[in-house]
Amino acid sequence: MLFVTTLATLPGKTLEALEIFLKYTKIPETIRVKETLVLFGKPDLLLIFEADDEREAAQFVIQFNEIASTQTSLAFPVKEAL
């Protein structure tokens, strides 16, 4: 399953968030990071990753809650929506 998470960093936590993004210190084997992007404005960061299910995705994203407000969506190709 493909997931997209946006992160709006908390005041004073932007550098810490970037460091976590660069190091991926807590990536479980079941998570496959596809893309990480810095955005201009809010949200500040975008993370695209694959996980086997929503539970694994949620457990992965929770690590960012101390540094950012997160929003995660399940994503799929447009062709699969038709």
PDB file of N, CA and C in Angstrom:
ATOM      1  N   MET A   1       0.845  -1.167   0.000  1.00  0.00           N
ATOM      2  CA  MET A   1       0.000   0.000   0.000  1.00  0.00           C
ATOM      3  C   MET A   1       0.897   1.239   0.000  1.00  0.00           C
ATOM      4  N   LEU A   2       0.470   2.248  -0.729  1.00  0.00           N
ATOM      5  CA  LEU A   2       1.234   3.485  -0.841  1.00  0.00           C
ATOM      6  C   LEU A   2       0.618   4.556   0.047  1.00  0.00           C
ATOM      7  N   PHE A   3       1.462   5.280   0.783  1.00  0.00           N
ATOM      8  CA  PHE A   3       1.009   6.329   1.689  1.00  0.00           C
ATOM      9  C   PHE A   3       1.762   7.625   1.420  1.00  0.00           C
ATOM     10  N   VAL A   4       1.070   8.732   1.634  1.00  0.00           N
ATOM     11  CA  VAL A   4       1.673  10.061   1.515  1.00  0.00           C
ATOM     12  C   VAL A   4       1.455  10.770   2.848  1.00  0.00           C
ATOM     13  N   THR A   5       2.544  11.233   3.447  1.00  0.00           N
ATOM     14  CA  THR A   5       2.464  11.961   4.715  1.00  0.00           C
ATOM     15  C   THR A   5       3.032  13.348   4.528  1.00  0.00           C
ATOM     16  N   THR A   6       2.279  14.359   4.972  1.00  0.00           N
ATOM     17  CA  THR A   6       2.799  15.719   5.007  1.00  0.00           C
ATOM     18  C   THR A   6       3.110  16.059   6.459  1.00  0.00           C
ATOM     19  N   LEU A   7       4.157  16.853   6.638  1.00  0.00           N
ATOM     20  CA  LEU A   7       4.572  17.267   7.971  1.00  0.00           C
ATOM     21  C   LEU A   7       4.691  18.779   8.016  1.00  0.00           C
ATOM     22  N   ALA A   8       3.967  19.383   8.928  1.00  0.00           N
ATOM     23  CA  ALA A   8       4.100  20.811   9.216  1.00  0.00           C
ATOM     24  C   ALA A   8       4.867  20.880  10.527  1.00  0.00           C
ATOM     25  N   THR A   9       6.133  21.257  10.463  1.00  0.00           N
ATOM     26  CA  THR A   9       6.973  21.203  11.652  1.00  0.00           C
ATOM     27  C   THR A   9       6.504  22.186  12.715  1.00  0.00           C
ATOM     28  N   LEU A  10       6.699  21.793  13.949  1.00  0.00           N
ATOM     29  CA  LEU A  10       6.363  22.642  15.087  1.00  0.00           C
ATOM     30  C   LEU A  10       7.411  23.742  15.203  1.00  0.00           C
ATOM     31  N   PRO A  11       7.067  24.889  15.802  1.00  0.00           N
ATOM     32  CA  PRO A  11       8.031  25.983  15.936  1.00  0.00           C
ATOM     33  C   PRO A  11       9.338  25.508  16.580  1.00  0.00           C
ATOM     34  N   GLY A  12      10.442  25.849  15.932  1.00  0.00           N
ATOM     35  CA  GLY A  12      11.752  25.498  16.446  1.00  0.00           C
ATOM     36  C   GLY A  12      12.184  24.066  16.183  1.00  0.00           C
ATOM     37  N   LYS A  13      11.400  23.289  15.452  1.00  0.00           N
ATOM     38  CA  LYS A  13      11.709  21.875  15.233  1.00  0.00           C
ATOM     39  C   LYS A  13      12.072  21.548  13.782  1.00  0.00           C
ATOM     40  N   THR A  14      12.200  22.553  12.927  1.00  0.00           N
ATOM     41  CA  THR A  14      12.438  22.285  11.507  1.00  0.00           C
ATOM     42  C   THR A  14      13.762  21.566  11.276  1.00  0.00           C
ATOM     43  N   LEU A  15      14.836  22.032  11.893  1.00  0.00           N
ATOM     44  CA  LEU A  15      16.131  21.370  11.704  1.00  0.00           C
ATOM     45  C   LEU A  15      16.109  19.946  12.232  1.00  0.00           C
ATOM     46  N   GLU A  16      15.471  19.735  13.367  1.00  0.00           N
ATOM     47  CA  GLU A  16      15.347  18.391  13.933  1.00  0.00           C
ATOM     48  C   GLU A  16      14.561  17.482  12.985  1.00  0.00           C
ATOM     49  N   ALA A  17      13.499  18.020  12.399  1.00  0.00           N
ATOM     50  CA  ALA A  17      12.694  17.244  11.455  1.00  0.00           C
ATOM     51  C   ALA A  17      13.517  16.860  10.228  1.00  0.00           C
ATOM     52  N   LEU A  18      14.300  17.788   9.722  1.00  0.00           N
ATOM     53  CA  LEU A  18      15.145  17.491   8.564  1.00  0.00           C
ATOM     54  C   LEU A  18      16.176  16.414   8.896  1.00  0.00           C
ATOM     55  N   GLU A  19      16.747  16.482  10.085  1.00  0.00           N
ATOM     56  CA  GLU A  19      17.719  15.469  10.500  1.00  0.00           C
ATOM     57  C   GLU A  19      17.077  14.085  10.584  1.00  0.00           C
ATOM     58  N   ILE A  20      15.890  14.023  11.146  1.00  0.00           N
ATOM     59  CA  ILE A  20      15.185  12.741  11.232  1.00  0.00           C
ATOM     60  C   ILE A  20      14.891  12.217   9.833  1.00  0.00           C
ATOM     61  N   PHE A  21      14.456  13.111   8.958  1.00  0.00           N
ATOM     62  CA  PHE A  21      14.178  12.716   7.584  1.00  0.00           C
ATOM     63  C   PHE A  21      15.425  12.161   6.905  1.00  0.00           C
ATOM     64  N   LEU A  22      16.556  12.822   7.109  1.00  0.00           N
ATOM     65  CA  LEU A  22      17.785  12.394   6.442  1.00  0.00           C
ATOM     66  C   LEU A  22      18.331  11.085   7.007  1.00  0.00           C
ATOM     67  N   LYS A  23      18.160  10.866   8.286  1.00  0.00           N
ATOM     68  CA  LYS A  23      18.740   9.689   8.931  1.00  0.00           C
ATOM     69  C   LYS A  23      17.818   8.486   8.922  1.00  0.00           C
ATOM     70  N   TYR A  24      16.497   8.728   8.923  1.00  0.00           N
ATOM     71  CA  TYR A  24      15.535   7.623   9.005  1.00  0.00           C
ATOM     72  C   TYR A  24      15.947   6.628  10.077  1.00  0.00           C
ATOM     73  N   THR A  25      16.105   7.135  11.269  1.00  0.00           N
ATOM     74  CA  THR A  25      16.619   6.301  12.348  1.00  0.00           C
ATOM     75  C   THR A  25      15.689   5.159  12.740  1.00  0.00           C
ATOM     76  N   LYS A  26      14.410   5.273  12.463  1.00  0.00           N
ATOM     77  CA  LYS A  26      13.470   4.241  12.916  1.00  0.00           C
ATOM     78  C   LYS A  26      12.632   3.708  11.758  1.00  0.00           C
ATOM     79  N   ILE A  27      13.281   3.224  10.730  1.00  0.00           N
ATOM     80  CA  ILE A  27      12.533   2.668   9.606  1.00  0.00           C
ATOM     81  C   ILE A  27      12.459   1.153   9.775  1.00  0.00           C
ATOM     82  N   PRO A  28      11.254   0.654  10.013  1.00  0.00           N
ATOM     83  CA  PRO A  28      11.091  -0.805  10.098  1.00  0.00           C
ATOM     84  C   PRO A  28      11.370  -1.444   8.733  1.00  0.00           C
ATOM     85  N   GLU A  29      11.696  -2.714   8.737  1.00  0.00           N
ATOM     86  CA  GLU A  29      11.957  -3.425   7.484  1.00  0.00           C
ATOM     87  C   GLU A  29      10.733  -3.458   6.577  1.00  0.00           C
ATOM     88  N   THR A  30       9.554  -3.324   7.162  1.00  0.00           N
ATOM     89  CA  THR A  30       8.316  -3.394   6.377  1.00  0.00           C
ATOM     90  C   THR A  30       7.962  -2.072   5.701  1.00  0.00           C
ATOM     91  N   ILE A  31       8.731  -1.014   5.971  1.00  0.00           N
ATOM     92  CA  ILE A  31       8.483   0.295   5.364  1.00  0.00           C
ATOM     93  C   ILE A  31       9.488   0.528   4.249  1.00  0.00           C
ATOM     94  N   ARG A  32       8.992   0.945   3.103  1.00  0.00           N
ATOM     95  CA  ARG A  32       9.848   1.232   1.958  1.00  0.00           C
ATOM     96  C   ARG A  32       9.631   2.685   1.552  1.00  0.00           C
ATOM     97  N   VAL A  33      10.614   3.532   1.853  1.00  0.00           N
ATOM     98  CA  VAL A  33      10.509   4.958   1.549  1.00  0.00           C
ATOM     99  C   VAL A  33      10.771   5.163   0.065  1.00  0.00           C
ATOM    100  N   LYS A  34       9.840   5.836  -0.603  1.00  0.00           N
ATOM    101  CA  LYS A  34       9.941   6.092  -2.038  1.00  0.00           C
ATOM    102  C   LYS A  34      10.508   7.472  -2.332  1.00  0.00           C
ATOM    103  N   GLU A  35      10.088   8.475  -1.544  1.00  0.00           N
ATOM    104  CA  GLU A  35      10.485   9.855  -1.820  1.00  0.00           C
ATOM    105  C   GLU A  35      10.350  10.698  -0.574  1.00  0.00           C
ATOM    106  N   THR A  36      11.283  11.614  -0.394  1.00  0.00           N
ATOM    107  CA  THR A  36      11.189  12.621   0.658  1.00  0.00           C
ATOM    108  C   THR A  36      11.449  13.970   0.012  1.00  0.00           C
ATOM    109  N   LEU A  37      10.594  14.936   0.305  1.00  0.00           N
ATOM    110  CA  LEU A  37      10.692  16.250  -0.330  1.00  0.00           C
ATOM    111  C   LEU A  37      10.527  17.357   0.697  1.00  0.00           C
ATOM    112  N   VAL A  38      11.296  18.433   0.523  1.00  0.00           N
ATOM    113  CA  VAL A  38      11.108  19.651   1.302  1.00  0.00           C
ATOM    114  C   VAL A  38      10.188  20.541   0.482  1.00  0.00           C
ATOM    115  N   LEU A  39       9.197  21.137   1.130  1.00  0.00           N
ATOM    116  CA  LEU A  39       8.230  21.999   0.447  1.00  0.00           C
ATOM    117  C   LEU A  39       8.407  23.443   0.902  1.00  0.00           C
ATOM    118  N   PHE A  40       8.108  24.378   0.025  1.00  0.00           N
ATOM    119  CA  PHE A  40       8.073  25.775   0.414  1.00  0.00           C
ATOM    120  C   PHE A  40       6.728  26.042   1.084  1.00  0.00           C
ATOM    121  N   GLY A  41       6.747  26.698   2.228  1.00  0.00           N
ATOM    122  CA  GLY A  41       5.504  26.981   2.946  1.00  0.00           C
ATOM    123  C   GLY A  41       5.076  25.785   3.775  1.00  0.00           C
ATOM    124  N   LYS A  42       3.834  25.814   4.202  1.00  0.00           N
ATOM    125  CA  LYS A  42       3.288  24.719   5.001  1.00  0.00           C
ATOM    126  C   LYS A  42       2.447  23.835   4.109  1.00  0.00           C
ATOM    127  N   PRO A  43       2.521  22.543   4.238  1.00  0.00           N
ATOM    128  CA  PRO A  43       3.403  21.790   5.112  1.00  0.00           C
ATOM    129  C   PRO A  43       4.855  21.921   4.661  1.00  0.00           C
ATOM    130  N   ASP A  44       5.769  21.524   5.527  1.00  0.00           N
ATOM    131  CA  ASP A  44       7.193  21.700   5.272  1.00  0.00           C
ATOM    132  C   ASP A  44       7.843  20.520   4.559  1.00  0.00           C
ATOM    133  N   LEU A  45       7.341  19.339   4.832  1.00  0.00           N
ATOM    134  CA  LEU A  45       7.963  18.125   4.305  1.00  0.00           C
ATOM    135  C   LEU A  45       6.908  17.172   3.775  1.00  0.00           C
ATOM    136  N   LEU A  46       7.317  16.353   2.804  1.00  0.00           N
ATOM    137  CA  LEU A  46       6.435  15.358   2.209  1.00  0.00           C
ATOM    138  C   LEU A  46       7.180  14.029   2.181  1.00  0.00           C
ATOM    139  N   LEU A  47       6.516  12.985   2.599  1.00  0.00           N
ATOM    140  CA  LEU A  47       7.102  11.652   2.646  1.00  0.00           C
ATOM    141  C   LEU A  47       6.162  10.688   1.929  1.00  0.00           C
ATOM    142  N   ILE A  48       6.709   9.976   0.956  1.00  0.00           N
ATOM    143  CA  ILE A  48       5.942   8.961   0.235  1.00  0.00           C
ATOM    144  C   ILE A  48       6.584   7.621   0.549  1.00  0.00           C
ATOM    145  N   PHE A  49       5.778   6.691   1.036  1.00  0.00           N
ATOM    146  CA  PHE A  49       6.321   5.390   1.434  1.00  0.00           C
ATOM    147  C   PHE A  49       5.307   4.291   1.220  1.00  0.00           C
ATOM    148  N   GLU A  50       5.812   3.062   1.199  1.00  0.00           N
ATOM    149  CA  GLU A  50       4.962   1.886   1.112  1.00  0.00           C
ATOM    150  C   GLU A  50       5.003   1.140   2.434  1.00  0.00           C
ATOM    151  N   ALA A  51       3.870   0.578   2.787  1.00  0.00           N
ATOM    152  CA  ALA A  51       3.749  -0.270   3.967  1.00  0.00           C
ATOM    153  C   ALA A  51       2.759  -1.376   3.631  1.00  0.00           C
ATOM    154  N   ASP A  52       2.847  -2.460   4.348  1.00  0.00           N
ATOM    155  CA  ASP A  52       1.955  -3.587   4.071  1.00  0.00           C
ATOM    156  C   ASP A  52       0.511  -3.305   4.465  1.00  0.00           C
ATOM    157  N   ASP A  53       0.319  -2.461   5.488  1.00  0.00           N
ATOM    158  CA  ASP A  53      -1.037  -2.135   5.911  1.00  0.00           C
ATOM    159  C   ASP A  53      -1.042  -0.813   6.679  1.00  0.00           C
ATOM    160  N   GLU A  54      -2.249  -0.364   7.028  1.00  0.00           N
ATOM    161  CA  GLU A  54      -2.419   0.925   7.710  1.00  0.00           C
ATOM    162  C   GLU A  54      -1.774   0.931   9.088  1.00  0.00           C
ATOM    163  N   ARG A  55      -1.807  -0.173   9.777  1.00  0.00           N
ATOM    164  CA  ARG A  55      -1.213  -0.257  11.119  1.00  0.00           C
ATOM    165  C   ARG A  55       0.284   0.015  11.069  1.00  0.00           C
ATOM    166  N   GLU A  56       0.983  -0.615  10.139  1.00  0.00           N
ATOM    167  CA  GLU A  56       2.419  -0.397   9.991  1.00  0.00           C
ATOM    168  C   GLU A  56       2.707   1.053   9.603  1.00  0.00           C
ATOM    169  N   ALA A  57       1.886   1.620   8.730  1.00  0.00           N
ATOM    170  CA  ALA A  57       2.063   3.014   8.318  1.00  0.00           C
ATOM    171  C   ALA A  57       1.897   3.941   9.519  1.00  0.00           C
ATOM    172  N   ALA A  58       0.880   3.704  10.316  1.00  0.00           N
ATOM    173  CA  ALA A  58       0.624   4.545  11.492  1.00  0.00           C
ATOM    174  C   ALA A  58       1.770   4.454  12.491  1.00  0.00           C
ATOM    175  N   GLN A  59       2.260   3.259  12.729  1.00  0.00           N
ATOM    176  CA  GLN A  59       3.374   3.088  13.669  1.00  0.00           C
ATOM    177  C   GLN A  59       4.617   3.828  13.184  1.00  0.00           C
ATOM    178  N   PHE A  60       4.845   3.851  11.885  1.00  0.00           N
ATOM    179  CA  PHE A  60       5.995   4.553  11.315  1.00  0.00           C
ATOM    180  C   PHE A  60       5.838   6.069  11.467  1.00  0.00           C
ATOM    181  N   VAL A  61       4.661   6.591  11.163  1.00  0.00           N
ATOM    182  CA  VAL A  61       4.426   8.036  11.172  1.00  0.00           C
ATOM    183  C   VAL A  61       4.424   8.605  12.594  1.00  0.00           C
ATOM    184  N   ILE A  62       4.045   7.814  13.574  1.00  0.00           N
ATOM    185  CA  ILE A  62       3.974   8.282  14.965  1.00  0.00           C
ATOM    186  C   ILE A  62       5.288   8.896  15.433  1.00  0.00           C
ATOM    187  N   GLN A  63       6.419   8.399  14.934  1.00  0.00           N
ATOM    188  CA  GLN A  63       7.713   8.920  15.377  1.00  0.00           C
ATOM    189  C   GLN A  63       7.901  10.404  15.063  1.00  0.00           C
ATOM    190  N   PHE A  64       7.123  10.936  14.125  1.00  0.00           N
ATOM    191  CA  PHE A  64       7.269  12.342  13.746  1.00  0.00           C
ATOM    192  C   PHE A  64       6.388  13.278  14.570  1.00  0.00           C
ATOM    193  N   ASN A  65       5.509  12.748  15.394  1.00  0.00           N
ATOM    194  CA  ASN A  65       4.544  13.580  16.117  1.00  0.00           C
ATOM    195  C   ASN A  65       5.161  14.543  17.123  1.00  0.00           C
ATOM    196  N   GLU A  66       6.372  14.288  17.581  1.00  0.00           N
ATOM    197  CA  GLU A  66       7.018  15.198  18.530  1.00  0.00           C
ATOM    198  C   GLU A  66       7.619  16.424  17.849  1.00  0.00           C
ATOM    199  N   ILE A  67       7.767  16.360  16.524  1.00  0.00           N
ATOM    200  CA  ILE A  67       8.403  17.458  15.806  1.00  0.00           C
ATOM    201  C   ILE A  67       7.500  18.119  14.777  1.00  0.00           C
ATOM    202  N   ALA A  68       6.349  17.489  14.505  1.00  0.00           N
ATOM    203  CA  ALA A  68       5.500  18.021  13.433  1.00  0.00           C
ATOM    204  C   ALA A  68       4.054  17.573  13.593  1.00  0.00           C
ATOM    205  N   SER A  69       3.197  18.351  12.982  1.00  0.00           N
ATOM    206  CA  SER A  69       1.807  17.946  12.816  1.00  0.00           C
ATOM    207  C   SER A  69       1.762  17.157  11.509  1.00  0.00           C
ATOM    208  N   THR A  70       1.282  15.928  11.571  1.00  0.00           N
ATOM    209  CA  THR A  70       1.311  15.068  10.392  1.00  0.00           C
ATOM    210  C   THR A  70      -0.095  14.813   9.856  1.00  0.00           C
ATOM    211  N   GLN A  71      -0.133  14.530   8.559  1.00  0.00           N
ATOM    212  CA  GLN A  71      -1.367  14.090   7.930  1.00  0.00           C
ATOM    213  C   GLN A  71      -0.982  13.027   6.917  1.00  0.00           C
ATOM    214  N   THR A  72      -1.593  11.860   7.033  1.00  0.00           N
ATOM    215  CA  THR A  72      -1.254  10.736   6.165  1.00  0.00           C
ATOM    216  C   THR A  72      -2.481  10.291   5.389  1.00  0.00           C
ATOM    217  N   SER A  73      -2.260  10.027   4.104  1.00  0.00           N
ATOM    218  CA  SER A  73      -3.329   9.549   3.235  1.00  0.00           C
ATOM    219  C   SER A  73      -2.879   8.284   2.522  1.00  0.00           C
ATOM    220  N   LEU A  74      -3.824   7.401   2.279  1.00  0.00           N
ATOM    221  CA  LEU A  74      -3.586   6.250   1.431  1.00  0.00           C
ATOM    222  C   LEU A  74      -3.628   6.737  -0.007  1.00  0.00           C
ATOM    223  N   ALA A  75      -2.679   6.317  -0.822  1.00  0.00           N
ATOM    224  CA  ALA A  75      -2.614   6.776  -2.204  1.00  0.00           C
ATOM    225  C   ALA A  75      -2.633   5.583  -3.141  1.00  0.00           C
ATOM    226  N   PHE A  76      -3.158   5.809  -4.358  1.00  0.00           N
ATOM    227  CA  PHE A  76      -3.129   4.757  -5.371  1.00  0.00           C
ATOM    228  C   PHE A  76      -3.200   5.406  -6.732  1.00  0.00           C
ATOM    229  N   PRO A  77      -2.721   4.697  -7.768  1.00  0.00           N
ATOM    230  CA  PRO A  77      -2.703   5.255  -9.122  1.00  0.00           C
ATOM    231  C   PRO A  77      -4.114   5.624  -9.605  1.00  0.00           C
ATOM    232  N   VAL A  78      -4.183   6.672 -10.403  1.00  0.00           N
ATOM    233  CA  VAL A  78      -5.474   7.144 -10.923  1.00  0.00           C
ATOM    234  C   VAL A  78      -6.184   6.024 -11.693  1.00  0.00           C
ATOM    235  N   LYS A  79      -5.461   5.233 -12.432  1.00  0.00           N
ATOM    236  CA  LYS A  79      -6.075   4.152 -13.212  1.00  0.00           C
ATOM    237  C   LYS A  79      -6.846   3.168 -12.343  1.00  0.00           C
ATOM    238  N   GLU A  80      -6.404   3.013 -11.072  1.00  0.00           N
ATOM    239  CA  GLU A  80      -7.096   2.104 -10.168  1.00  0.00           C
ATOM    240  C   GLU A  80      -8.375   2.718  -9.607  1.00  0.00           C
ATOM    241  N   ALA A  81      -8.544   4.016  -9.761  1.00  0.00           N
ATOM    242  CA  ALA A  81      -9.742   4.687  -9.250  1.00  0.00           C
ATOM    243  C   ALA A  81     -10.899   4.609 -10.248  1.00  0.00           C
ATOM    244  N   LEU A  82     -10.599   4.278 -11.484  1.00  0.00           N
ATOM    245  CA  LEU A  82     -11.632   4.233 -12.534  1.00  0.00           C
ATOM    246  C   LEU A  82     -12.284   2.886 -12.629  1.00  0.00           C
TER     247      LEU A  82
END
